[in-house]
PDB file of N, CA and C in Angstrom:
ATOM      1  N   MET A   1     -42.706-141.264 179.902  1.00  0.00           N
ATOM      2  CA  MET A   1     -42.126-141.214 180.915  1.00  0.00           C
ATOM      3  C   MET A   1     -40.840-140.962 181.401  1.00  0.00           C
ATOM      4  N   ARG A   2     -40.873-140.043 182.565  1.00  0.00           N
ATOM      5  CA  ARG A   2     -39.313-139.854 182.668  1.00  0.00           C
ATOM      6  C   ARG A   2     -38.757-140.882 183.955  1.00  0.00           C
ATOM      7  N   ILE A   3     -37.927-141.894 184.196  1.00  0.00           N
ATOM      8  CA  ILE A   3     -37.531-142.542 185.289  1.00  0.00           C
ATOM      9  C   ILE A   3     -36.067-142.479 185.653  1.00  0.00           C
ATOM     10  N   VAL A   4     -35.902-142.612 187.052  1.00  0.00           N
ATOM     11  CA  VAL A   4     -35.009-142.202 187.617  1.00  0.00           C
ATOM     12  C   VAL A   4     -34.166-143.562 188.546  1.00  0.00           C
ATOM     13  N   ASP A   5     -33.142-144.099 187.735  1.00  0.00           N
ATOM     14  CA  ASP A   5     -32.462-145.476 188.360  1.00  0.00           C
ATOM     15  C   ASP A   5     -31.337-144.304 189.112  1.00  0.00           C
ATOM     16  N   LEU A   6     -31.568-145.352 190.604  1.00  0.00           N
ATOM     17  CA  LEU A   6     -30.290-144.757 191.739  1.00  0.00           C
ATOM     18  C   LEU A   6     -29.450-145.845 191.951  1.00  0.00           C
ATOM     19  N   SER A   7     -28.089-145.994 191.891  1.00  0.00           N
ATOM     20  CA  SER A   7     -27.284-147.262 192.263  1.00  0.00           C
ATOM     21  C   SER A   7     -25.692-146.683 193.254  1.00  0.00           C
ATOM     22  N   MET A   8     -25.842-148.150 193.672  1.00  0.00           N
ATOM     23  CA  MET A   8     -24.704-147.560 194.274  1.00  0.00           C
ATOM     24  C   MET A   8     -23.129-148.357 193.620  1.00  0.00           C
ATOM     25  N   PHE A   9     -23.629-148.325 192.796  1.00  0.00           N
ATOM     26  CA  PHE A   9     -22.579-149.402 191.394  1.00  0.00           C
ATOM     27  C   PHE A   9     -22.765-149.192 190.170  1.00  0.00           C
ATOM     28  N   SER A  10     -21.661-149.132 189.517  1.00  0.00           N
ATOM     29  CA  SER A  10     -22.135-149.098 187.808  1.00  0.00           C
ATOM     30  C   SER A  10     -22.296-150.484 187.246  1.00  0.00           C
ATOM     31  N   TYR A  11     -23.125-150.293 186.245  1.00  0.00           N
ATOM     32  CA  TYR A  11     -23.748-151.808 185.684  1.00  0.00           C
ATOM     33  C   TYR A  11     -23.036-152.004 184.595  1.00  0.00           C
ATOM     34  N   LEU A  12     -22.245-151.080 184.106  1.00  0.00           N
ATOM     35  CA  LEU A  12     -21.284-151.552 182.767  1.00  0.00           C
ATOM     36  C   LEU A  12     -19.566-151.503 183.062  1.00  0.00           C
ATOM     37  N   PRO A  13     -19.509-152.422 182.362  1.00  0.00           N
ATOM     38  CA  PRO A  13     -19.807-153.352 181.261  1.00  0.00           C
ATOM     39  C   PRO A  13     -21.102-154.350 182.008  1.00  0.00           C
ATOM     40  N   PRO A  14     -21.957-155.068 181.316  1.00  0.00           N
ATOM     41  CA  PRO A  14     -22.915-155.819 182.104  1.00  0.00           C
ATOM     42  C   PRO A  14     -22.437-157.251 181.347  1.00  0.00           C
ATOM     43  N   ASP A  15     -20.918-157.497 182.779  1.00  0.00           N
ATOM     44  CA  ASP A  15     -20.702-158.957 182.545  1.00  0.00           C
ATOM     45  C   ASP A  15     -20.151-159.562 182.906  1.00  0.00           C
ATOM     46  N   THR A  16     -21.472-159.322 184.099  1.00  0.00           N
ATOM     47  CA  THR A  16     -21.981-160.754 185.819  1.00  0.00           C
ATOM     48  C   THR A  16     -23.565-160.590 185.166  1.00  0.00           C
ATOM     49  N   GLY A  17     -24.502-161.636 185.766  1.00  0.00           N
ATOM     50  CA  GLY A  17     -25.229-161.553 186.089  1.00  0.00           C
ATOM     51  C   GLY A  17     -26.227-160.826 186.331  1.00  0.00           C
ATOM     52  N   GLY A  18     -25.568-160.200 188.103  1.00  0.00           N
ATOM     53  CA  GLY A  18     -26.405-159.216 188.271  1.00  0.00           C
ATOM     54  C   GLY A  18     -26.337-157.708 187.283  1.00  0.00           C
ATOM     55  N   LYS A  19     -25.468-157.373 186.861  1.00  0.00           N
ATOM     56  CA  LYS A  19     -25.074-156.313 185.849  1.00  0.00           C
ATOM     57  C   LYS A  19     -25.716-156.511 184.650  1.00  0.00           C
ATOM     58  N   MET A  20     -26.073-157.459 184.367  1.00  0.00           N
ATOM     59  CA  MET A  20     -26.757-158.161 182.846  1.00  0.00           C
ATOM     60  C   MET A  20     -28.195-157.596 183.087  1.00  0.00           C
ATOM     61  N   GLY A  21     -28.769-158.165 184.353  1.00  0.00           N
ATOM     62  CA  GLY A  21     -29.989-158.260 184.490  1.00  0.00           C
ATOM     63  C   GLY A  21     -30.222-156.445 185.035  1.00  0.00           C
ATOM     64  N   ILE A  22     -29.806-156.114 185.641  1.00  0.00           N
ATOM     65  CA  ILE A  22     -29.729-154.717 185.588  1.00  0.00           C
ATOM     66  C   ILE A  22     -30.001-153.978 183.709  1.00  0.00           C
ATOM     67  N   TYR A  23     -28.935-154.053 183.747  1.00  0.00           N
ATOM     68  CA  TYR A  23     -28.817-153.338 181.952  1.00  0.00           C
ATOM     69  C   TYR A  23     -29.544-153.643 181.142  1.00  0.00           C
ATOM     70  N   HIS A  24     -30.268-154.985 181.338  1.00  0.00           N
ATOM     71  CA  HIS A  24     -31.751-155.824 180.570  1.00  0.00           C
ATOM     72  C   HIS A  24     -32.649-154.938 181.131  1.00  0.00           C
ATOM     73  N   ARG A  25     -33.120-154.852 181.907  1.00  0.00           N
ATOM     74  CA  ARG A  25     -33.920-154.461 182.870  1.00  0.00           C
ATOM     75  C   ARG A  25     -34.370-152.322 182.175  1.00  0.00           C
ATOM     76  N   LEU A  26     -33.684-152.221 182.796  1.00  0.00           N
ATOM     77  CA  LEU A  26     -33.400-150.773 182.190  1.00  0.00           C
ATOM     78  C   LEU A  26     -33.365-150.341 180.623  1.00  0.00           C
ATOM     79  N   LYS A  27     -32.591-151.321 179.926  1.00  0.00           N
ATOM     80  CA  LYS A  27     -32.653-151.141 178.655  1.00  0.00           C
ATOM     81  C   LYS A  27     -34.274-151.552 177.605  1.00  0.00           C
ATOM     82  N   ASP A  28     -34.671-151.865 178.663  1.00  0.00           N
ATOM     83  CA  ASP A  28     -36.367-152.482 178.304  1.00  0.00           C
ATOM     84  C   ASP A  28     -37.289-151.268 178.697  1.00  0.00           C
ATOM     85  N   LEU A  29     -36.903-151.061 179.777  1.00  0.00           N
ATOM     86  CA  LEU A  29     -38.003-149.876 180.055  1.00  0.00           C
ATOM     87  C   LEU A  29     -37.682-148.816 179.250  1.00  0.00           C
ATOM     88  N   SER A  30     -36.659-148.780 178.642  1.00  0.00           N
ATOM     89  CA  SER A  30     -36.032-147.082 178.030  1.00  0.00           C
ATOM     90  C   SER A  30     -36.416-147.323 176.459  1.00  0.00           C
ATOM     91  N   LYS A  31     -37.653-148.293 176.216  1.00  0.00           N
ATOM     92  CA  LYS A  31     -37.879-148.421 174.953  1.00  0.00           C
ATOM     93  C   LYS A  31     -38.914-147.845 175.144  1.00  0.00           C
ATOM     94  N   ASN A  32     -39.451-147.281 175.762  1.00  0.00           N
ATOM     95  CA  ASN A  32     -40.884-146.622 175.955  1.00  0.00           C
ATOM     96  C   ASN A  32     -41.207-145.147 176.881  1.00  0.00           C
ATOM     97  N   ASN A  33     -39.915-144.913 177.487  1.00  0.00           N
ATOM     98  CA  ASN A  33     -39.615-144.035 178.399  1.00  0.00           C
ATOM     99  C   ASN A  33     -38.310-142.985 178.436  1.00  0.00           C
ATOM    100  N   ASP A  34     -38.320-142.157 178.725  1.00  0.00           N
ATOM    101  CA  ASP A  34     -36.558-141.782 179.034  1.00  0.00           C
ATOM    102  C   ASP A  34     -36.019-141.957 180.330  1.00  0.00           C
ATOM    103  N   VAL A  35     -34.921-142.987 180.379  1.00  0.00           N
ATOM    104  CA  VAL A  35     -34.473-143.572 181.842  1.00  0.00           C
ATOM    105  C   VAL A  35     -33.036-143.021 182.209  1.00  0.00           C
ATOM    106  N   TYR A  36     -32.720-142.487 183.559  1.00  0.00           N
ATOM    107  CA  TYR A  36     -31.830-141.916 183.640  1.00  0.00           C
ATOM    108  C   TYR A  36     -31.027-142.464 185.030  1.00  0.00           C
ATOM    109  N   SER A  37     -29.861-142.891 184.329  1.00  0.00           N
ATOM    110  CA  SER A  37     -29.456-143.930 185.851  1.00  0.00           C
ATOM    111  C   SER A  37     -28.268-143.413 186.157  1.00  0.00           C
ATOM    112  N   PHE A  38     -27.695-142.790 187.654  1.00  0.00           N
ATOM    113  CA  PHE A  38     -26.826-142.427 188.243  1.00  0.00           C
ATOM    114  C   PHE A  38     -26.577-143.395 189.091  1.00  0.00           C
ATOM    115  N   ALA A  39     -24.682-143.985 188.957  1.00  0.00           N
ATOM    116  CA  ALA A  39     -24.268-144.832 189.573  1.00  0.00           C
ATOM    117  C   ALA A  39     -22.873-144.158 190.290  1.00  0.00           C
ATOM    118  N   ILE A  40     -22.340-144.717 191.498  1.00  0.00           N
ATOM    119  CA  ILE A  40     -21.399-144.192 192.030  1.00  0.00           C
ATOM    120  C   ILE A  40     -19.568-145.552 191.650  1.00  0.00           C
ATOM    121  N   ASN A  41     -19.194-144.896 191.543  1.00  0.00           N
ATOM    122  CA  ASN A  41     -17.851-145.870 191.224  1.00  0.00           C
ATOM    123  C   ASN A  41     -16.715-145.256 191.620  1.00  0.00           C
ATOM    124  N   SER A  42     -15.740-146.218 192.227  1.00  0.00           N
ATOM    125  CA  SER A  42     -14.206-145.394 192.978  1.00  0.00           C
ATOM    126  C   SER A  42     -13.672-145.682 191.494  1.00  0.00           C
ATOM    127  N   GLU A  43     -13.343-145.985 190.442  1.00  0.00           N
ATOM    128  CA  GLU A  43     -12.510-146.221 189.509  1.00  0.00           C
ATOM    129  C   GLU A  43     -12.504-144.955 188.956  1.00  0.00           C
ATOM    130  N   PHE A  44     -13.142-144.237 188.609  1.00  0.00           N
ATOM    131  CA  PHE A  44     -13.568-142.685 188.089  1.00  0.00           C
ATOM    132  C   PHE A  44     -13.371-141.597 189.177  1.00  0.00           C
ATOM    133  N   ASP A  45     -12.346-140.470 189.178  1.00  0.00           N
ATOM    134  CA  ASP A  45     -11.952-138.992 189.503  1.00  0.00           C
ATOM    135  C   ASP A  45     -12.919-138.098 189.185  1.00  0.00           C
ATOM    136  N   GLU A  46     -13.947-138.184 187.931  1.00  0.00           N
ATOM    137  CA  GLU A  46     -14.602-137.244 187.793  1.00  0.00           C
ATOM    138  C   GLU A  46     -16.196-137.660 187.248  1.00  0.00           C
ATOM    139  N   VAL A  47     -17.261-136.666 186.817  1.00  0.00           N
ATOM    140  CA  VAL A  47     -18.406-137.256 186.827  1.00  0.00           C
ATOM    141  C   VAL A  47     -18.267-137.736 184.889  1.00  0.00           C
ATOM    142  N   VAL A  48     -18.734-138.898 184.768  1.00  0.00           N
ATOM    143  CA  VAL A  48     -18.645-139.433 183.314  1.00  0.00           C
ATOM    144  C   VAL A  48     -20.055-139.476 182.636  1.00  0.00           C
ATOM    145  N   LEU A  49     -19.971-139.595 181.665  1.00  0.00           N
ATOM    146  CA  LEU A  49     -21.823-139.587 181.123  1.00  0.00           C
ATOM    147  C   LEU A  49     -21.132-140.818 179.905  1.00  0.00           C
ATOM    148  N   TYR A  50     -22.039-142.317 180.181  1.00  0.00           N
ATOM    149  CA  TYR A  50     -21.641-143.259 179.108  1.00  0.00           C
ATOM    150  C   TYR A  50     -23.103-143.462 178.375  1.00  0.00           C
ATOM    151  N   ARG A  51     -23.000-142.778 176.731  1.00  0.00           N
ATOM    152  CA  ARG A  51     -23.789-142.729 176.114  1.00  0.00           C
ATOM    153  C   ARG A  51     -23.369-143.640 174.728  1.00  0.00           C
ATOM    154  N   TYR A  52     -23.283-145.181 175.007  1.00  0.00           N
ATOM    155  CA  TYR A  52     -22.649-145.996 174.367  1.00  0.00           C
ATOM    156  C   TYR A  52     -23.849-146.166 172.857  1.00  0.00           C
ATOM    157  N   ASP A  53     -23.734-146.298 172.082  1.00  0.00           N
ATOM    158  CA  ASP A  53     -24.633-146.457 170.739  1.00  0.00           C
ATOM    159  C   ASP A  53     -25.743-147.728 171.223  1.00  0.00           C
ATOM    160  N   LYS A  54     -26.199-148.472 171.816  1.00  0.00           N
ATOM    161  CA  LYS A  54     -26.397-149.865 172.191  1.00  0.00           C
ATOM    162  C   LYS A  54     -27.484-148.949 172.748  1.00  0.00           C
ATOM    163  N   ILE A  55     -26.888-148.318 173.799  1.00  0.00           N
ATOM    164  CA  ILE A  55     -27.743-147.694 175.243  1.00  0.00           C
ATOM    165  C   ILE A  55     -28.610-146.391 174.888  1.00  0.00           C
ATOM    166  N   ASN A  56     -27.803-145.227 173.921  1.00  0.00           N
ATOM    167  CA  ASN A  56     -28.661-144.264 173.863  1.00  0.00           C
ATOM    168  C   ASN A  56     -29.576-144.413 172.480  1.00  0.00           C
ATOM    169  N   GLU A  57     -29.472-145.185 171.783  1.00  0.00           N
ATOM    170  CA  GLU A  57     -30.833-145.458 171.392  1.00  0.00           C
ATOM    171  C   GLU A  57     -32.097-145.781 171.321  1.00  0.00           C
ATOM    172  N   HIS A  58     -31.631-146.306 172.692  1.00  0.00           N
ATOM    173  CA  HIS A  58     -33.122-146.512 173.563  1.00  0.00           C
ATOM    174  C   HIS A  58     -33.307-145.763 174.597  1.00  0.00           C
ATOM    175  N   GLY A  59     -32.399-144.407 175.001  1.00  0.00           N
ATOM    176  CA  GLY A  59     -32.928-143.404 175.346  1.00  0.00           C
ATOM    177  C   GLY A  59     -32.765-143.431 176.861  1.00  0.00           C
ATOM    178  N   LEU A  60     -31.690-144.350 177.127  1.00  0.00           N
ATOM    179  CA  LEU A  60     -30.814-144.496 178.242  1.00  0.00           C
ATOM    180  C   LEU A  60     -29.731-144.176 178.734  1.00  0.00           C
ATOM    181  N   GLU A  61     -29.545-143.302 179.777  1.00  0.00           N
ATOM    182  CA  GLU A  61     -28.427-142.414 179.861  1.00  0.00           C
ATOM    183  C   GLU A  61     -28.137-142.769 181.093  1.00  0.00           C
ATOM    184  N   LEU A  62     -26.430-142.929 181.200  1.00  0.00           N
ATOM    185  CA  LEU A  62     -25.912-143.202 182.744  1.00  0.00           C
ATOM    186  C   LEU A  62     -25.012-142.482 182.930  1.00  0.00           C
ATOM    187  N   TYR A  63     -24.911-141.999 184.004  1.00  0.00           N
ATOM    188  CA  TYR A  63     -24.128-140.981 185.072  1.00  0.00           C
ATOM    189  C   TYR A  63     -23.695-141.882 186.078  1.00  0.00           C
ATOM    190  N   ILE A  64     -22.236-141.941 185.790  1.00  0.00           N
ATOM    191  CA  ILE A  64     -21.505-142.213 186.630  1.00  0.00           C
ATOM    192  C   ILE A  64     -20.163-141.363 187.738  1.00  0.00           C
ATOM    193  N   TYR A  65     -20.434-141.466 188.808  1.00  0.00           N
ATOM    194  CA  TYR A  65     -19.952-140.216 189.886  1.00  0.00           C
ATOM    195  C   TYR A  65     -19.317-141.026 190.528  1.00  0.00           C
ATOM    196  N   PRO A  66     -17.735-140.387 191.076  1.00  0.00           N
ATOM    197  CA  PRO A  66     -16.900-140.905 191.788  1.00  0.00           C
ATOM    198  C   PRO A  66     -16.989-141.329 193.385  1.00  0.00           C
ATOM    199  N   ALA A  67     -16.688-142.349 193.410  1.00  0.00           N
ATOM    200  CA  ALA A  67     -17.064-142.324 195.151  1.00  0.00           C
ATOM    201  C   ALA A  67     -15.832-141.382 196.343  1.00  0.00           C
ATOM    202  N   PRO A  68     -17.172-140.896 197.080  1.00  0.00           N
ATOM    203  CA  PRO A  68     -16.506-140.357 197.998  1.00  0.00           C
ATOM    204  C   PRO A  68     -14.936-140.336 198.576  1.00  0.00           C
TER     205      PRO A  68
END
């Protein structure tokens, strides 16, 4: 199954409680599904694709877009 997650903020790096919860939930979902996560972050000027080794081995891809 393909799952799309839309978020108003990036949960990477998972260094706080809320980010860790979202990260682990999506990581668990991606064990048996393809998960595509789209987020907005004001720190980036262009579209960024996060494919960390830990994330990519589970089939989780995070696309980060710049804030308008």
